[in-house]
Amino acid sequence: MKRKSFYPLKQIYNLLKFIVLAIIVLLIWRQILDGDTIAFTDHFRERLHKGHYLIYLVVLTVIMPINWILEGRKWQLLMAPFENISLKKAIKIIVSGVAVGIVTPGRIGEYAGRLVASDPTQKTEVITATLLGSIAQNFWNILGGVALSYVFFKNTLQITTDYQIFFMWISILEIIFMIWVYYSLPKMVSWLQKWWKKPSKWIERVKGTSIYTTDILNQVLILSMLRYLIYFSQYFLMMLFLGVEVHWLDMAAMIAGIYLIQTGIPLPAFMSVFARGEVAILVWSTLGVESITALTATFLLWLINLIVPALVGLYVLSRADVRAYFR
């Protein structure tokens, strides 16, 4: 009797898994075949004929795996207080999160993807680790934007040099505040609980970050910085590949500003490629960059940095034991 009841249940789980994976693939496929995407590919082909620019595209593509290896190492550190996992397994968990996160608002599904690919007995720990890793990564997204905010606003809003000292002090204060928040999350949440009496699972998970030592927090922050430098460099190289010729400091400020703005876009990654594209058009247009160039850069980076690892993540999820997650 147990065997008879097991197989229908297994088939139901497999069917549900197939439906979810099919929806993700369909959404990605529809995005790639969008009419605007065809315009991007035409512009991309034009740039490929400029052979001496091809090296930029090659380099930014080659360093993409390094980005996910660093994220895998970061995941190892974040899970170290709970369990020891190999780098290979850590990377599988990461790309699984990317696959599910790409179709959810604010990439909330990243939590679910990592949960399914992880040990089902470590649900709370996985959520806590994902939360802290996200905070560390967003720290650099914000810091980079804040550090170059003066140049960014000078280009986009035409502010004068009279505001230079003001922006410098505001930037220093914001950076100090972010560092304090990162290293004092549990204390800060405990203080907030005195004012917010209502129980919250998220508050408890943030308080769970108290298990991390300063050494682990330092390493996670450094790895997050290296990841930021990689995808920052990828954007820089992409603009060079597309033939954008502006001063390097102006280009760096625009890229940092775009990443800062994107941090606050709560849309699924498969939809936000065009929301990000609109942001890119507004930002780069202040430097005279054509809209098709800004959109092509956004689409190609989305394809290389999200779609490729998401497809790998789909394969990992297709082999995951979803039943274990619901036990």
C-alpha atoms as a PDB file:
ATOM      1  CA  MET A   1       0.000   0.000   0.000  1.00  0.00           C
ATOM      2  CA  LYS A   2       2.863   2.397   0.775  1.00  0.00           C
ATOM      3  CA  ARG A   3       4.342   1.893  -2.683  1.00  0.00           C
ATOM      4  CA  LYS A   4       1.000   2.649  -4.343  1.00  0.00           C
ATOM      5  CA  SER A   5       0.530   5.877  -2.374  1.00  0.00           C
ATOM      6  CA  PHE A   6       4.139   6.955  -2.959  1.00  0.00           C
ATOM      7  CA  TYR A   7       4.170   6.983  -6.750  1.00  0.00           C
ATOM      8  CA  PRO A   8       1.078   9.180  -7.301  1.00  0.00           C
ATOM      9  CA  LEU A   9       2.498  11.667  -4.782  1.00  0.00           C
ATOM     10  CA  LYS A  10       5.861  11.632  -6.537  1.00  0.00           C
ATOM     11  CA  GLN A  11       4.146  12.203  -9.887  1.00  0.00           C
ATOM     12  CA  ILE A  12       2.216  15.185  -8.477  1.00  0.00           C
ATOM     13  CA  TYR A  13       5.429  16.792  -7.205  1.00  0.00           C
ATOM     14  CA  ASN A  14       7.144  16.163 -10.535  1.00  0.00           C
ATOM     15  CA  LEU A  15       4.189  17.687 -12.393  1.00  0.00           C
ATOM     16  CA  LEU A  16       4.236  20.789 -10.178  1.00  0.00           C
ATOM     17  CA  LYS A  17       7.980  21.120 -10.676  1.00  0.00           C
ATOM     18  CA  PHE A  18       7.560  20.800 -14.445  1.00  0.00           C
ATOM     19  CA  ILE A  19       4.836  23.479 -14.490  1.00  0.00           C
ATOM     20  CA  VAL A  20       6.955  25.948 -12.489  1.00  0.00           C
ATOM     21  CA  LEU A  21      10.037  25.343 -14.649  1.00  0.00           C
ATOM     22  CA  ALA A  22       7.952  25.642 -17.832  1.00  0.00           C
ATOM     23  CA  ILE A  23       6.548  29.006 -16.694  1.00  0.00           C
ATOM     24  CA  ILE A  24      10.055  30.333 -15.983  1.00  0.00           C
ATOM     25  CA  VAL A  25      11.329  29.168 -19.385  1.00  0.00           C
ATOM     26  CA  LEU A  26       8.276  30.661 -21.146  1.00  0.00           C
ATOM     27  CA  LEU A  27       8.727  34.047 -19.484  1.00  0.00           C
ATOM     28  CA  ILE A  28      12.417  34.150 -20.399  1.00  0.00           C
ATOM     29  CA  TRP A  29      11.708  33.025 -23.968  1.00  0.00           C
ATOM     30  CA  ARG A  30       8.984  35.635 -24.494  1.00  0.00           C
ATOM     31  CA  GLN A  31      11.334  38.333 -23.237  1.00  0.00           C
ATOM     32  CA  ILE A  32      14.091  37.260 -25.629  1.00  0.00           C
ATOM     33  CA  LEU A  33      11.698  37.230 -28.603  1.00  0.00           C
ATOM     34  CA  ASP A  34      10.248  40.659 -27.791  1.00  0.00           C
ATOM     35  CA  GLY A  35      10.205  43.122 -30.689  1.00  0.00           C
ATOM     36  CA  ASP A  36      12.511  45.562 -28.898  1.00  0.00           C
ATOM     37  CA  THR A  37      14.969  42.734 -28.316  1.00  0.00           C
ATOM     38  CA  ILE A  38      15.296  42.253 -32.071  1.00  0.00           C
ATOM     39  CA  ALA A  39      16.370  45.905 -32.353  1.00  0.00           C
ATOM     40  CA  PHE A  40      19.021  45.256 -29.698  1.00  0.00           C
ATOM     41  CA  THR A  41      20.392  42.276 -31.595  1.00  0.00           C
ATOM     42  CA  ASP A  42      20.618  44.314 -34.809  1.00  0.00           C
ATOM     43  CA  HIS A  43      22.649  46.957 -32.997  1.00  0.00           C
ATOM     44  CA  PHE A  44      24.751  44.202 -31.420  1.00  0.00           C
ATOM     45  CA  ARG A  45      25.557  42.718 -34.841  1.00  0.00           C
ATOM     46  CA  GLU A  46      26.684  46.126 -36.069  1.00  0.00           C
ATOM     47  CA  ARG A  47      29.165  46.354 -33.206  1.00  0.00           C
ATOM     48  CA  LEU A  48      30.483  42.840 -33.882  1.00  0.00           C
ATOM     49  CA  HIS A  49      31.736  44.063 -37.247  1.00  0.00           C
ATOM     50  CA  LYS A  50      34.032  46.420 -35.335  1.00  0.00           C
ATOM     51  CA  GLY A  51      36.577  43.688 -34.667  1.00  0.00           C
ATOM     52  CA  HIS A  52      38.928  45.700 -32.444  1.00  0.00           C
ATOM     53  CA  TYR A  53      36.088  46.275 -29.939  1.00  0.00           C
ATOM     54  CA  LEU A  54      35.325  42.563 -29.603  1.00  0.00           C
ATOM     55  CA  ILE A  55      37.964  42.065 -26.893  1.00  0.00           C
ATOM     56  CA  TYR A  56      35.815  44.083 -24.461  1.00  0.00           C
ATOM     57  CA  LEU A  57      32.863  41.728 -24.978  1.00  0.00           C
ATOM     58  CA  VAL A  58      35.085  38.662 -24.586  1.00  0.00           C
ATOM     59  CA  VAL A  59      36.583  39.896 -21.312  1.00  0.00           C
ATOM     60  CA  LEU A  60      33.255  40.890 -19.731  1.00  0.00           C
ATOM     61  CA  THR A  61      31.797  37.486 -20.659  1.00  0.00           C
ATOM     62  CA  VAL A  62      34.795  35.524 -19.367  1.00  0.00           C
ATOM     63  CA  ILE A  63      34.722  37.197 -15.947  1.00  0.00           C
ATOM     64  CA  MET A  64      31.018  36.364 -15.466  1.00  0.00           C
ATOM     65  CA  PRO A  65      31.720  32.910 -13.919  1.00  0.00           C
ATOM     66  CA  ILE A  66      34.132  34.550 -11.451  1.00  0.00           C
ATOM     67  CA  ASN A  67      31.202  36.602 -10.213  1.00  0.00           C
ATOM     68  CA  TRP A  68      29.203  33.486  -9.325  1.00  0.00           C
ATOM     69  CA  ILE A  69      32.217  31.691  -7.873  1.00  0.00           C
ATOM     70  CA  LEU A  70      32.645  34.635  -5.499  1.00  0.00           C
ATOM     71  CA  GLU A  71      28.940  34.474  -4.632  1.00  0.00           C
ATOM     72  CA  GLY A  72      29.315  30.736  -4.027  1.00  0.00           C
ATOM     73  CA  ARG A  73      32.232  31.352  -1.675  1.00  0.00           C
ATOM     74  CA  LYS A  74      30.164  34.007   0.086  1.00  0.00           C
ATOM     75  CA  TRP A  75      27.368  31.479   0.541  1.00  0.00           C
ATOM     76  CA  GLN A  76      29.852  29.016   2.054  1.00  0.00           C
ATOM     77  CA  LEU A  77      30.819  31.620   4.641  1.00  0.00           C
ATOM     78  CA  LEU A  78      27.211  32.571   5.388  1.00  0.00           C
ATOM     79  CA  MET A  79      26.257  28.928   5.981  1.00  0.00           C
ATOM     80  CA  ALA A  80      29.483  28.063   7.855  1.00  0.00           C
ATOM     81  CA  PRO A  81      27.934  28.573  11.340  1.00  0.00           C
ATOM     82  CA  PHE A  82      25.241  26.011  10.459  1.00  0.00           C
ATOM     83  CA  GLU A  83      26.845  23.485   8.083  1.00  0.00           C
ATOM     84  CA  ASN A  84      29.895  22.914   5.916  1.00  0.00           C
ATOM     85  CA  ILE A  85      29.102  22.829   2.197  1.00  0.00           C
ATOM     86  CA  SER A  86      31.360  22.496  -0.821  1.00  0.00           C
ATOM     87  CA  LEU A  87      31.902  25.345  -3.260  1.00  0.00           C
ATOM     88  CA  LYS A  88      30.226  23.272  -5.987  1.00  0.00           C
ATOM     89  CA  LYS A  89      27.083  22.813  -3.911  1.00  0.00           C
ATOM     90  CA  ALA A  90      27.116  26.485  -2.915  1.00  0.00           C
ATOM     91  CA  ILE A  91      27.180  27.564  -6.569  1.00  0.00           C
ATOM     92  CA  LYS A  92      24.295  25.191  -7.372  1.00  0.00           C
ATOM     93  CA  ILE A  93      22.250  26.778  -4.583  1.00  0.00           C
ATOM     94  CA  ILE A  94      23.097  30.268  -5.836  1.00  0.00           C
ATOM     95  CA  VAL A  95      22.063  29.662  -9.466  1.00  0.00           C
ATOM     96  CA  SER A  96      18.864  27.960  -8.266  1.00  0.00           C
ATOM     97  CA  GLY A  97      18.015  31.173  -6.454  1.00  0.00           C
ATOM     98  CA  VAL A  98      18.729  33.174  -9.607  1.00  0.00           C
ATOM     99  CA  ALA A  99      16.405  30.933 -11.656  1.00  0.00           C
ATOM    100  CA  VAL A 100      13.415  31.464  -9.365  1.00  0.00           C
ATOM    101  CA  GLY A 101      14.291  35.037  -8.407  1.00  0.00           C
ATOM    102  CA  ILE A 102      14.276  36.153 -12.032  1.00  0.00           C
ATOM    103  CA  VAL A 103      10.465  35.867 -12.226  1.00  0.00           C
ATOM    104  CA  THR A 104       9.524  37.319  -8.830  1.00  0.00           C
ATOM    105  CA  PRO A 105       9.210  40.946  -7.630  1.00  0.00           C
ATOM    106  CA  GLY A 106      12.408  42.208  -6.043  1.00  0.00           C
ATOM    107  CA  ARG A 107      13.841  38.738  -6.686  1.00  0.00           C
ATOM    108  CA  ILE A 108      12.018  37.462  -3.592  1.00  0.00           C
ATOM    109  CA  GLY A 109      11.960  34.053  -5.261  1.00  0.00           C
ATOM    110  CA  GLU A 110      15.712  33.904  -4.728  1.00  0.00           C
ATOM    111  CA  TYR A 111      14.911  32.780  -1.189  1.00  0.00           C
ATOM    112  CA  ALA A 112      12.651  29.986  -2.461  1.00  0.00           C
ATOM    113  CA  GLY A 113      15.175  28.839  -5.061  1.00  0.00           C
ATOM    114  CA  ARG A 114      17.955  28.605  -2.502  1.00  0.00           C
ATOM    115  CA  LEU A 115      15.654  26.831  -0.056  1.00  0.00           C
ATOM    116  CA  VAL A 116      14.688  24.114  -2.546  1.00  0.00           C
ATOM    117  CA  ALA A 117      18.332  23.447  -3.462  1.00  0.00           C
ATOM    118  CA  SER A 118      19.488  23.442   0.187  1.00  0.00           C
ATOM    119  CA  ASP A 119      19.148  21.049   3.100  1.00  0.00           C
ATOM    120  CA  PRO A 120      15.393  21.103   3.946  1.00  0.00           C
ATOM    121  CA  THR A 121      16.230  21.102   7.672  1.00  0.00           C
ATOM    122  CA  GLN A 122      18.028  24.461   7.312  1.00  0.00           C
ATOM    123  CA  LYS A 123      15.099  26.616   6.152  1.00  0.00           C
ATOM    124  CA  THR A 124      15.446  29.411   8.718  1.00  0.00           C
ATOM    125  CA  GLU A 125      19.238  29.432   8.388  1.00  0.00           C
ATOM    126  CA  VAL A 126      19.040  29.716   4.587  1.00  0.00           C
ATOM    127  CA  ILE A 127      16.679  32.697   4.817  1.00  0.00           C
ATOM    128  CA  THR A 128      18.909  34.425   7.381  1.00  0.00           C
ATOM    129  CA  ALA A 129      22.026  33.821   5.258  1.00  0.00           C
ATOM    130  CA  THR A 130      20.296  35.055   2.082  1.00  0.00           C
ATOM    131  CA  LEU A 131      19.111  38.183   3.868  1.00  0.00           C
ATOM    132  CA  LEU A 132      22.570  39.073   5.193  1.00  0.00           C
ATOM    133  CA  GLY A 133      24.202  38.347   1.825  1.00  0.00           C
ATOM    134  CA  SER A 134      21.703  40.637   0.112  1.00  0.00           C
ATOM    135  CA  ILE A 135      22.340  43.410   2.637  1.00  0.00           C
ATOM    136  CA  ALA A 136      26.111  43.116   2.095  1.00  0.00           C
ATOM    137  CA  GLN A 137      25.707  43.302  -1.693  1.00  0.00           C
ATOM    138  CA  ASN A 138      23.315  46.238  -1.582  1.00  0.00           C
ATOM    139  CA  PHE A 139      25.769  47.977   0.747  1.00  0.00           C
ATOM    140  CA  TRP A 140      28.209  48.306  -2.159  1.00  0.00           C
ATOM    141  CA  ASN A 141      25.468  49.222  -4.641  1.00  0.00           C
ATOM    142  CA  ILE A 142      24.532  52.109  -2.370  1.00  0.00           C
ATOM    143  CA  LEU A 143      28.100  53.018  -1.398  1.00  0.00           C
ATOM    144  CA  GLY A 144      29.253  53.165  -5.021  1.00  0.00           C
ATOM    145  CA  GLY A 145      26.353  55.421  -5.950  1.00  0.00           C
ATOM    146  CA  VAL A 146      26.835  57.651  -2.924  1.00  0.00           C
ATOM    147  CA  ALA A 147      30.611  57.943  -3.420  1.00  0.00           C
ATOM    148  CA  LEU A 148      30.176  59.157  -7.013  1.00  0.00           C
ATOM    149  CA  SER A 149      26.918  61.028  -6.402  1.00  0.00           C
ATOM    150  CA  TYR A 150      28.449  64.457  -6.964  1.00  0.00           C
ATOM    151  CA  VAL A 151      29.684  63.582 -10.473  1.00  0.00           C
ATOM    152  CA  PHE A 152      26.394  61.790 -11.195  1.00  0.00           C
ATOM    153  CA  PHE A 153      24.227  64.767 -10.211  1.00  0.00           C
ATOM    154  CA  LYS A 154      26.591  67.197 -11.922  1.00  0.00           C
ATOM    155  CA  ASN A 155      25.951  65.367 -15.204  1.00  0.00           C
ATOM    156  CA  THR A 156      22.244  64.630 -14.767  1.00  0.00           C
ATOM    157  CA  LEU A 157      21.030  67.738 -12.887  1.00  0.00           C
ATOM    158  CA  GLN A 158      23.776  70.193 -13.874  1.00  0.00           C
ATOM    159  CA  ILE A 159      24.632  71.144 -10.273  1.00  0.00           C
ATOM    160  CA  THR A 160      27.589  73.486  -9.759  1.00  0.00           C
ATOM    161  CA  THR A 161      30.873  72.928  -7.938  1.00  0.00           C
ATOM    162  CA  ASP A 162      29.508  74.964  -5.007  1.00  0.00           C
ATOM    163  CA  TYR A 163      27.842  71.771  -3.793  1.00  0.00           C
ATOM    164  CA  GLN A 164      31.031  69.688  -3.892  1.00  0.00           C
ATOM    165  CA  ILE A 165      31.896  69.974  -0.177  1.00  0.00           C
ATOM    166  CA  PHE A 166      28.246  69.427   0.776  1.00  0.00           C
ATOM    167  CA  PHE A 167      28.084  66.189  -1.239  1.00  0.00           C
ATOM    168  CA  MET A 168      31.414  65.051   0.212  1.00  0.00           C
ATOM    169  CA  TRP A 169      30.208  65.358   3.812  1.00  0.00           C
ATOM    170  CA  ILE A 170      26.813  63.814   3.080  1.00  0.00           C
ATOM    171  CA  SER A 171      28.573  60.891   1.378  1.00  0.00           C
ATOM    172  CA  ILE A 172      30.948  60.359   4.306  1.00  0.00           C
ATOM    173  CA  LEU A 173      28.084  60.390   6.829  1.00  0.00           C
ATOM    174  CA  GLU A 174      25.984  57.969   4.756  1.00  0.00           C
ATOM    175  CA  ILE A 175      28.910  55.560   4.352  1.00  0.00           C
ATOM    176  CA  ILE A 176      29.616  55.617   8.113  1.00  0.00           C
ATOM    177  CA  PHE A 177      25.926  54.989   8.818  1.00  0.00           C
ATOM    178  CA  MET A 178      25.771  52.014   6.411  1.00  0.00           C
ATOM    179  CA  ILE A 179      28.868  50.441   7.954  1.00  0.00           C
ATOM    180  CA  TRP A 180      27.325  50.817  11.407  1.00  0.00           C
ATOM    181  CA  VAL A 181      24.038  49.250  10.274  1.00  0.00           C
ATOM    182  CA  TYR A 182      25.801  46.269   8.662  1.00  0.00           C
ATOM    183  CA  TYR A 183      27.826  45.423  11.763  1.00  0.00           C
ATOM    184  CA  SER A 184      25.059  46.240  14.246  1.00  0.00           C
ATOM    185  CA  LEU A 185      21.971  44.674  12.652  1.00  0.00           C
ATOM    186  CA  PRO A 186      20.946  42.490  15.649  1.00  0.00           C
ATOM    187  CA  LYS A 187      21.408  45.388  18.099  1.00  0.00           C
ATOM    188  CA  MET A 188      19.494  47.757  15.848  1.00  0.00           C
ATOM    189  CA  VAL A 189      16.592  45.302  15.504  1.00  0.00           C
ATOM    190  CA  SER A 190      16.507  44.717  19.275  1.00  0.00           C
ATOM    191  CA  TRP A 191      16.238  48.471  19.746  1.00  0.00           C
ATOM    192  CA  LEU A 192      13.433  48.700  17.174  1.00  0.00           C
ATOM    193  CA  GLN A 193      11.547  45.899  18.928  1.00  0.00           C
ATOM    194  CA  LYS A 194      11.182  48.133  21.966  1.00  0.00           C
ATOM    195  CA  TRP A 195       9.060  50.428  19.820  1.00  0.00           C
ATOM    196  CA  TRP A 196       7.478  47.778  17.546  1.00  0.00           C
ATOM    197  CA  LYS A 197       5.917  45.186  19.823  1.00  0.00           C
ATOM    198  CA  LYS A 198       4.193  43.176  17.080  1.00  0.00           C
ATOM    199  CA  PRO A 199       5.952  39.796  16.488  1.00  0.00           C
ATOM    200  CA  SER A 200       7.625  39.421  13.099  1.00  0.00           C
ATOM    201  CA  LYS A 201       9.418  36.466  11.497  1.00  0.00           C
ATOM    202  CA  TRP A 202      11.666  38.849   9.571  1.00  0.00           C
ATOM    203  CA  ILE A 203      12.752  40.595  12.763  1.00  0.00           C
ATOM    204  CA  GLU A 204      13.665  37.244  14.291  1.00  0.00           C
ATOM    205  CA  ARG A 205      15.642  36.293  11.184  1.00  0.00           C
ATOM    206  CA  VAL A 206      17.559  39.557  11.244  1.00  0.00           C
ATOM    207  CA  LYS A 207      18.315  38.993  14.927  1.00  0.00           C
ATOM    208  CA  GLY A 208      19.619  35.583  13.876  1.00  0.00           C
ATOM    209  CA  THR A 209      22.532  37.329  12.159  1.00  0.00           C
ATOM    210  CA  SER A 210      24.066  37.779  15.628  1.00  0.00           C
ATOM    211  CA  ILE A 211      25.579  34.308  15.162  1.00  0.00           C
ATOM    212  CA  TYR A 212      28.047  35.702  12.610  1.00  0.00           C
ATOM    213  CA  THR A 213      31.471  36.730  13.869  1.00  0.00           C
ATOM    214  CA  THR A 214      33.144  39.964  12.832  1.00  0.00           C
ATOM    215  CA  ASP A 215      35.617  37.926  10.789  1.00  0.00           C
ATOM    216  CA  ILE A 216      32.809  36.351   8.737  1.00  0.00           C
ATOM    217  CA  LEU A 217      31.095  39.721   8.289  1.00  0.00           C
ATOM    218  CA  ASN A 218      34.388  41.204   7.056  1.00  0.00           C
ATOM    219  CA  GLN A 219      34.935  38.392   4.545  1.00  0.00           C
ATOM    220  CA  VAL A 220      31.345  38.581   3.272  1.00  0.00           C
ATOM    221  CA  LEU A 221      31.693  42.331   2.793  1.00  0.00           C
ATOM    222  CA  ILE A 222      34.992  41.928   0.904  1.00  0.00           C
ATOM    223  CA  LEU A 223      33.528  39.255  -1.384  1.00  0.00           C
ATOM    224  CA  SER A 224      30.514  41.495  -2.021  1.00  0.00           C
ATOM    225  CA  MET A 225      32.889  44.321  -2.929  1.00  0.00           C
ATOM    226  CA  LEU A 226      34.731  42.081  -5.407  1.00  0.00           C
ATOM    227  CA  ARG A 227      31.397  41.105  -6.983  1.00  0.00           C
ATOM    228  CA  TYR A 228      30.437  44.770  -7.278  1.00  0.00           C
ATOM    229  CA  LEU A 229      33.762  45.560  -8.951  1.00  0.00           C
ATOM    230  CA  ILE A 230      33.194  42.726 -11.435  1.00  0.00           C
ATOM    231  CA  TYR A 231      29.734  43.742 -12.615  1.00  0.00           C
ATOM    232  CA  PHE A 232      30.784  47.401 -12.473  1.00  0.00           C
ATOM    233  CA  SER A 233      33.710  46.511 -14.781  1.00  0.00           C
ATOM    234  CA  GLN A 234      31.376  44.496 -17.014  1.00  0.00           C
ATOM    235  CA  TYR A 235      29.160  47.536 -17.552  1.00  0.00           C
ATOM    236  CA  PHE A 236      32.222  49.704 -18.227  1.00  0.00           C
ATOM    237  CA  LEU A 237      33.553  47.196 -20.785  1.00  0.00           C
ATOM    238  CA  MET A 238      30.108  46.878 -22.378  1.00  0.00           C
ATOM    239  CA  MET A 239      29.949  50.617 -22.991  1.00  0.00           C
ATOM    240  CA  LEU A 240      33.429  50.510 -24.544  1.00  0.00           C
ATOM    241  CA  PHE A 241      32.322  47.597 -26.749  1.00  0.00           C
ATOM    242  CA  LEU A 242      29.326  49.657 -27.889  1.00  0.00           C
ATOM    243  CA  GLY A 243      31.620  52.534 -28.818  1.00  0.00           C
ATOM    244  CA  VAL A 244      30.706  55.007 -26.070  1.00  0.00           C
ATOM    245  CA  GLU A 245      33.393  57.665 -25.760  1.00  0.00           C
ATOM    246  CA  VAL A 246      33.070  59.744 -22.604  1.00  0.00           C
ATOM    247  CA  HIS A 247      35.478  60.590 -19.789  1.00  0.00           C
ATOM    248  CA  TRP A 248      36.148  57.552 -17.588  1.00  0.00           C
ATOM    249  CA  LEU A 249      35.032  59.354 -14.399  1.00  0.00           C
ATOM    250  CA  ASP A 250      31.737  60.405 -15.971  1.00  0.00           C
ATOM    251  CA  MET A 251      31.173  56.847 -17.187  1.00  0.00           C
ATOM    252  CA  ALA A 252      31.968  55.423 -13.741  1.00  0.00           C
ATOM    253  CA  ALA A 253      29.559  57.859 -12.066  1.00  0.00           C
ATOM    254  CA  MET A 254      26.747  56.994 -14.495  1.00  0.00           C
ATOM    255  CA  ILE A 255      27.244  53.255 -13.932  1.00  0.00           C
ATOM    256  CA  ALA A 256      27.327  53.655 -10.139  1.00  0.00           C
ATOM    257  CA  GLY A 257      24.205  55.816 -10.277  1.00  0.00           C
ATOM    258  CA  ILE A 258      22.344  53.291 -12.428  1.00  0.00           C
ATOM    259  CA  TYR A 259      23.183  50.421 -10.064  1.00  0.00           C
ATOM    260  CA  LEU A 260      22.050  52.530  -7.114  1.00  0.00           C
ATOM    261  CA  ILE A 261      18.702  53.271  -8.789  1.00  0.00           C
ATOM    262  CA  GLN A 262      18.252  49.635  -9.861  1.00  0.00           C
ATOM    263  CA  THR A 263      18.646  48.529  -6.245  1.00  0.00           C
ATOM    264  CA  GLY A 264      15.284  50.154  -5.556  1.00  0.00           C
ATOM    265  CA  ILE A 265      13.380  48.698  -8.544  1.00  0.00           C
ATOM    266  CA  PRO A 266      11.011  46.050  -7.036  1.00  0.00           C
ATOM    267  CA  LEU A 267      10.254  44.282 -10.329  1.00  0.00           C
ATOM    268  CA  PRO A 268      10.983  40.724 -11.491  1.00  0.00           C
ATOM    269  CA  ALA A 269      14.324  40.604 -13.315  1.00  0.00           C
ATOM    270  CA  PHE A 270      12.674  39.371 -16.544  1.00  0.00           C
ATOM    271  CA  MET A 271      10.495  42.519 -16.544  1.00  0.00           C
ATOM    272  CA  SER A 272      12.929  44.987 -15.013  1.00  0.00           C
ATOM    273  CA  VAL A 273      15.304  44.609 -17.960  1.00  0.00           C
ATOM    274  CA  PHE A 274      13.179  47.236 -19.705  1.00  0.00           C
ATOM    275  CA  ALA A 275      12.561  49.238 -16.530  1.00  0.00           C
ATOM    276  CA  ARG A 276      16.333  49.276 -16.144  1.00  0.00           C
ATOM    277  CA  GLY A 277      16.598  50.158 -19.801  1.00  0.00           C
ATOM    278  CA  GLU A 278      14.408  53.223 -19.286  1.00  0.00           C
ATOM    279  CA  VAL A 279      16.610  54.289 -16.376  1.00  0.00           C
ATOM    280  CA  ALA A 280      19.705  53.756 -18.532  1.00  0.00           C
ATOM    281  CA  ILE A 281      18.234  55.886 -21.342  1.00  0.00           C
ATOM    282  CA  LEU A 282      17.517  58.775 -18.970  1.00  0.00           C
ATOM    283  CA  VAL A 283      20.962  58.600 -17.376  1.00  0.00           C
ATOM    284  CA  TRP A 284      23.116  58.081 -20.470  1.00  0.00           C
ATOM    285  CA  SER A 285      21.201  60.627 -22.542  1.00  0.00           C
ATOM    286  CA  THR A 286      22.694  63.361 -20.349  1.00  0.00           C
ATOM    287  CA  LEU A 287      26.077  62.424 -21.852  1.00  0.00           C
ATOM    288  CA  GLY A 288      24.736  62.234 -25.396  1.00  0.00           C
ATOM    289  CA  VAL A 289      24.607  58.421 -25.561  1.00  0.00           C
ATOM    290  CA  GLU A 290      21.938  57.105 -27.965  1.00  0.00           C
ATOM    291  CA  SER A 291      18.955  55.284 -26.458  1.00  0.00           C
ATOM    292  CA  ILE A 292      19.551  52.140 -28.566  1.00  0.00           C
ATOM    293  CA  THR A 293      23.077  51.926 -27.131  1.00  0.00           C
ATOM    294  CA  ALA A 294      21.826  52.252 -23.547  1.00  0.00           C
ATOM    295  CA  LEU A 295      19.125  49.623 -24.139  1.00  0.00           C
ATOM    296  CA  THR A 296      21.518  47.221 -25.878  1.00  0.00           C
ATOM    297  CA  ALA A 297      23.974  47.445 -22.971  1.00  0.00           C
ATOM    298  CA  THR A 298      21.166  46.728 -20.493  1.00  0.00           C
ATOM    299  CA  PHE A 299      19.849  43.768 -22.474  1.00  0.00           C
ATOM    300  CA  LEU A 300      23.245  42.137 -23.096  1.00  0.00           C
ATOM    301  CA  LEU A 301      24.288  42.443 -19.442  1.00  0.00           C
ATOM    302  CA  TRP A 302      20.905  41.013 -18.401  1.00  0.00           C
ATOM    303  CA  LEU A 303      21.428  38.115 -20.796  1.00  0.00           C
ATOM    304  CA  ILE A 304      25.000  37.372 -19.674  1.00  0.00           C
ATOM    305  CA  ASN A 305      24.680  37.941 -15.927  1.00  0.00           C
ATOM    306  CA  LEU A 306      21.155  36.671 -15.247  1.00  0.00           C
ATOM    307  CA  ILE A 307      19.755  34.508 -18.023  1.00  0.00           C
ATOM    308  CA  VAL A 308      22.815  32.259 -18.444  1.00  0.00           C
ATOM    309  CA  PRO A 309      23.094  31.402 -14.708  1.00  0.00           C
ATOM    310  CA  ALA A 310      19.280  31.161 -14.515  1.00  0.00           C
ATOM    311  CA  LEU A 311      19.291  28.448 -17.196  1.00  0.00           C
ATOM    312  CA  VAL A 312      21.937  26.554 -15.223  1.00  0.00           C
ATOM    313  CA  GLY A 313      19.770  27.025 -12.139  1.00  0.00           C
ATOM    314  CA  LEU A 314      16.760  25.569 -13.953  1.00  0.00           C
ATOM    315  CA  TYR A 315      18.761  22.416 -14.620  1.00  0.00           C
ATOM    316  CA  VAL A 316      19.726  22.185 -10.936  1.00  0.00           C
ATOM    317  CA  LEU A 317      16.110  22.686  -9.853  1.00  0.00           C
ATOM    318  CA  SER A 318      14.895  20.050 -12.300  1.00  0.00           C
ATOM    319  CA  ARG A 319      17.029  17.513 -10.428  1.00  0.00           C
ATOM    320  CA  ALA A 320      16.174  18.754  -6.922  1.00  0.00           C
ATOM    321  CA  ASP A 321      13.992  16.734  -4.551  1.00  0.00           C
ATOM    322  CA  VAL A 322      11.116  19.178  -4.067  1.00  0.00           C
ATOM    323  CA  ARG A 323       9.266  16.732  -1.786  1.00  0.00           C
ATOM    324  CA  ALA A 324      11.987  17.064   0.852  1.00  0.00           C
ATOM    325  CA  TYR A 325      11.293  20.786   1.123  1.00  0.00           C
ATOM    326  CA  PHE A 326       7.654  20.181   2.140  1.00  0.00           C
ATOM    327  CA  ARG A 327       8.341  17.503   4.717  1.00  0.00           C
END
